[in-house]
Each structure stands twice: as structure tokens, then as C-alpha cells.
Amino acid sequence: MAKKVVASLQSSGKDFAKVIRMGKSAKTGAYTFKEEIIPTDQVKGYFDKK
């Protein structure tokens, strides 16, 4: 089953990018990570906004 998922991402994978943003919790001080898959033309805008 994993091969089918990877194959489906590879067919349209050039149009999308997986981005991971790291943040720090104000309450606990622990680091949190947020993962998203977005179109490649929106990557710079994703990291510019805060």
C-alpha cells in the first residue's frame, strides 16, 4: 500500500512541496512542528508570513 501512496505523490509531486514550520509554545516552552503540503509557487509566501 505504501508504494501506491508514494507513486501517486510522485506523479504530481513536482507541483507540491512539503513544508515544516517550527514554533515554540508560550506556555510550556516546548517546540511544536506544523507540516503542510502546499503548491511550490506559494512556498516563499508561506515562510514570509508569520
PDB file of N, CA and C in Angstrom:
ATOM      1  N   MET A   1       0.822  -1.197   0.000  1.00  0.00           N
ATOM      2  CA  MET A   1       0.000   0.000   0.000  1.00  0.00           C
ATOM      3  C   MET A   1       0.862   1.255   0.000  1.00  0.00           C
ATOM      4  N   ALA A   2       1.978   1.218   0.662  1.00  0.00           N
ATOM      5  CA  ALA A   2       2.843   2.388   0.719  1.00  0.00           C
ATOM      6  C   ALA A   2       3.377   2.742  -0.663  1.00  0.00           C
ATOM      7  N   LYS A   3       3.623   1.742  -1.482  1.00  0.00           N
ATOM      8  CA  LYS A   3       4.123   2.015  -2.826  1.00  0.00           C
ATOM      9  C   LYS A   3       3.102   2.796  -3.641  1.00  0.00           C
ATOM     10  N   LYS A   4       1.825   2.506  -3.458  1.00  0.00           N
ATOM     11  CA  LYS A   4       0.796   3.234  -4.189  1.00  0.00           C
ATOM     12  C   LYS A   4       0.755   4.695  -3.762  1.00  0.00           C
ATOM     13  N   VAL A   5       0.922   4.963  -2.474  1.00  0.00           N
ATOM     14  CA  VAL A   5       0.900   6.343  -1.976  1.00  0.00           C
ATOM     15  C   VAL A   5       2.093   7.108  -2.528  1.00  0.00           C
ATOM     16  N   VAL A   6       3.268   6.512  -2.481  1.00  0.00           N
ATOM     17  CA  VAL A   6       4.470   7.164  -2.987  1.00  0.00           C
ATOM     18  C   VAL A   6       4.346   7.408  -4.488  1.00  0.00           C
ATOM     19  N   ALA A   7       3.830   6.429  -5.213  1.00  0.00           N
ATOM     20  CA  ALA A   7       3.683   6.577  -6.654  1.00  0.00           C
ATOM     21  C   ALA A   7       2.700   7.692  -6.991  1.00  0.00           C
ATOM     22  N   SER A   8       1.639   7.830  -6.208  1.00  0.00           N
ATOM     23  CA  SER A   8       0.674   8.880  -6.506  1.00  0.00           C
ATOM     24  C   SER A   8       1.247  10.255  -6.212  1.00  0.00           C
ATOM     25  N   LEU A   9       2.110  10.360  -5.205  1.00  0.00           N
ATOM     26  CA  LEU A   9       2.738  11.644  -4.918  1.00  0.00           C
ATOM     27  C   LEU A   9       3.791  11.994  -5.962  1.00  0.00           C
ATOM     28  N   GLN A  10       4.466  11.003  -6.508  1.00  0.00           N
ATOM     29  CA  GLN A  10       5.499  11.275  -7.497  1.00  0.00           C
ATOM     30  C   GLN A  10       4.910  11.774  -8.812  1.00  0.00           C
ATOM     31  N   SER A  11       3.726  11.362  -9.150  1.00  0.00           N
ATOM     32  CA  SER A  11       3.158  11.788 -10.421  1.00  0.00           C
ATOM     33  C   SER A  11       2.835  13.280 -10.415  1.00  0.00           C
ATOM     34  N   SER A  12       2.420  13.808  -9.282  1.00  0.00           N
ATOM     35  CA  SER A  12       2.127  15.237  -9.204  1.00  0.00           C
ATOM     36  C   SER A  12       3.021  15.916  -8.166  1.00  0.00           C
ATOM     37  N   GLY A  13       4.061  15.253  -7.731  1.00  0.00           N
ATOM     38  CA  GLY A  13       4.927  15.765  -6.672  1.00  0.00           C
ATOM     39  C   GLY A  13       5.735  16.983  -7.063  1.00  0.00           C
ATOM     40  N   LYS A  14       5.932  17.199  -8.339  1.00  0.00           N
ATOM     41  CA  LYS A  14       6.718  18.352  -8.763  1.00  0.00           C
ATOM     42  C   LYS A  14       5.938  19.650  -8.571  1.00  0.00           C
ATOM     43  N   ASP A  15       4.635  19.555  -8.454  1.00  0.00           N
ATOM     44  CA  ASP A  15       3.810  20.742  -8.286  1.00  0.00           C
ATOM     45  C   ASP A  15       3.605  21.111  -6.827  1.00  0.00           C
ATOM     46  N   PHE A  16       3.984  20.222  -5.903  1.00  0.00           N
ATOM     47  CA  PHE A  16       3.736  20.452  -4.486  1.00  0.00           C
ATOM     48  C   PHE A  16       5.019  20.275  -3.681  1.00  0.00           C
ATOM     49  N   ALA A  17       5.056  20.919  -2.518  1.00  0.00           N
ATOM     50  CA  ALA A  17       6.198  20.805  -1.622  1.00  0.00           C
ATOM     51  C   ALA A  17       5.687  20.605  -0.203  1.00  0.00           C
ATOM     52  N   LYS A  18       6.398  19.779   0.556  1.00  0.00           N
ATOM     53  CA  LYS A  18       6.059  19.580   1.954  1.00  0.00           C
ATOM     54  C   LYS A  18       6.900  20.562   2.760  1.00  0.00           C
ATOM     55  N   VAL A  19       6.230  21.407   3.528  1.00  0.00           N
ATOM     56  CA  VAL A  19       6.925  22.407   4.332  1.00  0.00           C
ATOM     57  C   VAL A  19       6.672  22.127   5.808  1.00  0.00           C
ATOM     58  N   ILE A  20       7.674  22.393   6.616  1.00  0.00           N
ATOM     59  CA  ILE A  20       7.581  22.173   8.061  1.00  0.00           C
ATOM     60  C   ILE A  20       7.979  23.470   8.740  1.00  0.00           C
ATOM     61  N   ARG A  21       7.085  23.978   9.577  1.00  0.00           N
ATOM     62  CA  ARG A  21       7.357  25.212  10.316  1.00  0.00           C
ATOM     63  C   ARG A  21       7.510  24.881  11.797  1.00  0.00           C
ATOM     64  N   MET A  22       8.552  25.398  12.422  1.00  0.00           N
ATOM     65  CA  MET A  22       8.805  25.143  13.829  1.00  0.00           C
ATOM     66  C   MET A  22       8.393  26.365  14.638  1.00  0.00           C
ATOM     67  N   GLY A  23       7.779  26.118  15.777  1.00  0.00           N
ATOM     68  CA  GLY A  23       7.387  27.197  16.669  1.00  0.00           C
ATOM     69  C   GLY A  23       7.645  26.792  18.100  1.00  0.00           C
ATOM     70  N   LYS A  24       7.569  27.749  18.984  1.00  0.00           N
ATOM     71  CA  LYS A  24       7.807  27.483  20.394  1.00  0.00           C
ATOM     72  C   LYS A  24       6.566  27.883  21.178  1.00  0.00           C
ATOM     73  N   SER A  25       6.098  26.992  22.032  1.00  0.00           N
ATOM     74  CA  SER A  25       4.900  27.236  22.821  1.00  0.00           C
ATOM     75  C   SER A  25       5.197  28.281  23.894  1.00  0.00           C
ATOM     76  N   ALA A  26       4.300  29.241  24.048  1.00  0.00           N
ATOM     77  CA  ALA A  26       4.492  30.280  25.060  1.00  0.00           C
ATOM     78  C   ALA A  26       4.283  29.737  26.468  1.00  0.00           C
ATOM     79  N   LYS A  27       3.395  28.771  26.620  1.00  0.00           N
ATOM     80  CA  LYS A  27       3.087  28.224  27.943  1.00  0.00           C
ATOM     81  C   LYS A  27       4.180  27.297  28.458  1.00  0.00           C
ATOM     82  N   THR A  28       4.546  26.301  27.663  1.00  0.00           N
ATOM     83  CA  THR A  28       5.457  25.265  28.146  1.00  0.00           C
ATOM     84  C   THR A  28       6.890  25.452  27.674  1.00  0.00           C
ATOM     85  N   GLY A  29       7.091  26.179  26.616  1.00  0.00           N
ATOM     86  CA  GLY A  29       8.430  26.347  26.067  1.00  0.00           C
ATOM     87  C   GLY A  29       8.840  25.209  25.153  1.00  0.00           C
ATOM     88  N   ALA A  30       7.946  24.250  24.922  1.00  0.00           N
ATOM     89  CA  ALA A  30       8.244  23.117  24.054  1.00  0.00           C
ATOM     90  C   ALA A  30       8.134  23.537  22.589  1.00  0.00           C
ATOM     91  N   TYR A  31       8.911  22.882  21.754  1.00  0.00           N
ATOM     92  CA  TYR A  31       8.859  23.162  20.328  1.00  0.00           C
ATOM     93  C   TYR A  31       7.717  22.379  19.686  1.00  0.00           C
ATOM     94  N   THR A  32       7.040  23.016  18.740  1.00  0.00           N
ATOM     95  CA  THR A  32       5.972  22.368  18.002  1.00  0.00           C
ATOM     96  C   THR A  32       6.303  22.455  16.510  1.00  0.00           C
ATOM     97  N   PHE A  33       5.847  21.478  15.762  1.00  0.00           N
ATOM     98  CA  PHE A  33       6.103  21.428  14.338  1.00  0.00           C
ATOM     99  C   PHE A  33       4.783  21.318  13.596  1.00  0.00           C
ATOM    100  N   LYS A  34       4.638  22.116  12.552  1.00  0.00           N
ATOM    101  CA  LYS A  34       3.427  22.089  11.738  1.00  0.00           C
ATOM    102  C   LYS A  34       3.833  21.736  10.314  1.00  0.00           C
ATOM    103  N   GLU A  35       3.288  20.641   9.803  1.00  0.00           N
ATOM    104  CA  GLU A  35       3.614  20.182   8.455  1.00  0.00           C
ATOM    105  C   GLU A  35       2.437  20.426   7.523  1.00  0.00           C
ATOM    106  N   GLU A  36       2.737  20.890   6.313  1.00  0.00           N
ATOM    107  CA  GLU A  36       1.709  21.111   5.301  1.00  0.00           C
ATOM    108  C   GLU A  36       2.272  20.773   3.931  1.00  0.00           C
ATOM    109  N   ILE A  37       1.396  20.416   3.033  1.00  0.00           N
ATOM    110  CA  ILE A  37       1.772  20.220   1.633  1.00  0.00           C
ATOM    111  C   ILE A  37       1.087  21.325   0.836  1.00  0.00           C
ATOM    112  N   ILE A  38       1.900  22.168   0.212  1.00  0.00           N
ATOM    113  CA  ILE A  38       1.384  23.341  -0.498  1.00  0.00           C
ATOM    114  C   ILE A  38       1.970  23.376  -1.909  1.00  0.00           C
ATOM    115  N   PRO A  39       1.367  24.132  -2.822  1.00  0.00           N
ATOM    116  CA  PRO A  39       1.928  24.287  -4.172  1.00  0.00           C
ATOM    117  C   PRO A  39       3.301  24.960  -4.106  1.00  0.00           C
ATOM    118  N   THR A  40       4.180  24.580  -5.002  1.00  0.00           N
ATOM    119  CA  THR A  40       5.549  25.088  -4.967  1.00  0.00           C
ATOM    120  C   THR A  40       5.627  26.600  -5.182  1.00  0.00           C
ATOM    121  N   ASP A  41       4.674  27.186  -5.881  1.00  0.00           N
ATOM    122  CA  ASP A  41       4.731  28.625  -6.109  1.00  0.00           C
ATOM    123  C   ASP A  41       4.323  29.435  -4.877  1.00  0.00           C
ATOM    124  N   GLN A  42       3.834  28.800  -3.830  1.00  0.00           N
ATOM    125  CA  GLN A  42       3.425  29.502  -2.618  1.00  0.00           C
ATOM    126  C   GLN A  42       4.392  29.305  -1.449  1.00  0.00           C
ATOM    127  N   VAL A  43       5.523  28.652  -1.684  1.00  0.00           N
ATOM    128  CA  VAL A  43       6.446  28.320  -0.596  1.00  0.00           C
ATOM    129  C   VAL A  43       7.046  29.577   0.031  1.00  0.00           C
ATOM    130  N   LYS A  44       7.528  30.505  -0.794  1.00  0.00           N
ATOM    131  CA  LYS A  44       8.133  31.718  -0.235  1.00  0.00           C
ATOM    132  C   LYS A  44       7.130  32.529   0.563  1.00  0.00           C
ATOM    133  N   GLY A  45       5.927  32.643   0.092  1.00  0.00           N
ATOM    134  CA  GLY A  45       4.886  33.370   0.814  1.00  0.00           C
ATOM    135  C   GLY A  45       4.524  32.690   2.121  1.00  0.00           C
ATOM    136  N   TYR A  46       4.585  31.367   2.165  1.00  0.00           N
ATOM    137  CA  TYR A  46       4.273  30.626   3.385  1.00  0.00           C
ATOM    138  C   TYR A  46       5.264  30.953   4.494  1.00  0.00           C
ATOM    139  N   PHE A  47       6.543  31.048   4.144  1.00  0.00           N
ATOM    140  CA  PHE A  47       7.550  31.339   5.157  1.00  0.00           C
ATOM    141  C   PHE A  47       7.677  32.826   5.450  1.00  0.00           C
ATOM    142  N   ASP A  48       7.220  33.694   4.564  1.00  0.00           N
ATOM    143  CA  ASP A  48       7.271  35.130   4.813  1.00  0.00           C
ATOM    144  C   ASP A  48       6.242  35.557   5.852  1.00  0.00           C
ATOM    145  N   LYS A  49       5.040  34.964   5.807  1.00  0.00           N
ATOM    146  CA  LYS A  49       4.020  35.333   6.768  1.00  0.00           C
ATOM    147  C   LYS A  49       4.338  34.691   8.112  1.00  0.00           C
ATOM    148  N   LYS A  50       3.894  35.330   9.178  1.00  0.00           N
ATOM    149  CA  LYS A  50       4.211  34.818  10.500  1.00  0.00           C
ATOM    150  C   LYS A  50       2.995  34.643  11.336  1.00  0.00           C
TER     151      LYS A  50
END
